Amino acid sequence: MLHEGFKRGGLFLAMDRNIGNLDRLIRLVIGILLLGLYGALEPPLRYVTLLGLIPLGTAFLGSCPLYSRLGISTGRRHPTPS
């Protein structure tokens, strides 16, 4: 059984977009800022900046697995036909 956040699409599973434009922009900026600190910090903290890949990746994908799991969506709500 597939989780609600996943849909079958051909040969792969596609995730629903659950991140709105403002949320994506914020994640993109945070990811870039964190990754930008990589060269400025010493080795113990340097590797923490790699966590910036997470918000950067979710911004590019437009989908957050944690949001899917919690049933949260910051994207536009499309009216469902009844």
Protein backbone atom coordinates (compact mmCIF):
# COMPACT_ATOMS: atom_id res chain seq x y z
CA MET A 1 0.00 0.00 0.00
CA LEU A 2 1.38 3.41 -0.96
CA HIS A 3 1.40 6.42 1.29
CA GLU A 4 -1.04 9.19 0.28
CA GLY A 5 1.82 11.50 -0.71
CA PHE A 6 2.94 9.15 -3.48
CA LYS A 7 1.25 8.50 -6.81
CA ARG A 8 2.09 5.95 -9.44
CA GLY A 9 3.31 7.61 -12.60
CA GLY A 10 4.72 5.21 -15.17
CA LEU A 11 7.89 3.54 -13.95
CA PHE A 12 8.46 5.71 -10.91
CA LEU A 13 6.63 7.15 -7.94
CA ALA A 14 5.97 10.89 -8.11
CA MET A 15 5.37 12.93 -4.98
CA ASP A 16 2.64 15.53 -4.74
CA ARG A 17 3.79 19.13 -4.65
CA ASN A 18 3.08 20.37 -1.17
CA ILE A 19 5.33 23.43 -0.95
CA GLY A 20 4.09 26.86 -2.01
CA ASN A 21 6.14 29.49 -3.83
CA LEU A 22 7.02 31.50 -0.72
CA ASP A 23 8.01 28.34 1.15
CA ARG A 24 10.18 27.27 -1.80
CA LEU A 25 11.89 30.66 -1.93
CA ILE A 26 12.63 30.59 1.81
CA ARG A 27 14.02 27.05 1.57
CA LEU A 28 16.15 28.04 -1.43
CA VAL A 29 17.66 31.03 0.38
CA ILE A 30 18.32 29.04 3.57
CA GLY A 31 19.92 26.20 1.59
CA ILE A 32 22.19 28.55 -0.36
CA LEU A 33 23.20 30.43 2.80
CA LEU A 34 24.04 27.24 4.67
CA LEU A 35 26.05 25.81 1.78
CA GLY A 36 27.79 29.16 1.34
CA LEU A 37 29.18 28.86 4.87
CA TYR A 38 30.95 25.60 3.99
CA GLY A 39 34.26 27.25 3.09
CA ALA A 40 34.16 29.77 5.92
CA LEU A 41 33.93 27.34 8.83
CA GLU A 42 36.37 24.91 10.37
CA PRO A 43 35.89 21.16 9.91
CA PRO A 44 33.59 20.29 12.81
CA LEU A 45 31.02 22.92 11.83
CA ARG A 46 31.83 22.75 8.14
CA TYR A 47 30.00 19.45 7.76
CA VAL A 48 26.88 20.78 9.49
CA THR A 49 26.49 23.23 6.61
CA LEU A 50 25.85 20.25 4.32
CA LEU A 51 22.42 20.08 5.93
CA GLY A 52 21.68 22.96 3.57
CA LEU A 53 21.22 20.32 0.86
CA ILE A 54 17.92 19.32 2.48
CA PRO A 55 16.06 22.64 2.11
CA LEU A 56 17.72 23.17 -1.27
CA GLY A 57 16.56 19.78 -2.53
CA THR A 58 13.01 20.18 -1.27
CA ALA A 59 12.86 23.65 -2.85
CA PHE A 60 13.85 22.24 -6.25
CA LEU A 61 11.50 19.26 -5.98
CA GLY A 62 8.59 21.30 -4.63
CA SER A 63 7.79 18.50 -2.23
CA CYS A 64 8.70 17.86 1.38
CA PRO A 65 8.47 14.28 2.69
CA LEU A 66 7.86 15.53 6.24
CA TYR A 67 4.97 17.72 5.05
CA SER A 68 3.51 14.71 3.21
CA ARG A 69 3.78 12.57 6.32
CA LEU A 70 2.08 15.23 8.46
CA GLY A 71 -0.54 16.10 5.84
CA ILE A 72 0.65 19.70 5.53
CA SER A 73 0.57 21.69 2.30
CA THR A 74 1.61 25.32 1.84
CA GLY A 75 0.78 25.26 -1.87
CA ARG A 76 -2.35 26.51 -3.56
CA ARG A 77 -5.48 24.63 -2.78
CA HIS A 78 -7.30 23.51 -5.89
CA PRO A 79 -11.05 23.15 -5.46
CA THR A 80 -12.18 19.57 -5.81
CA PRO A 81 -15.15 19.05 -8.15
CA SER A 82 -18.11 17.51 -6.37
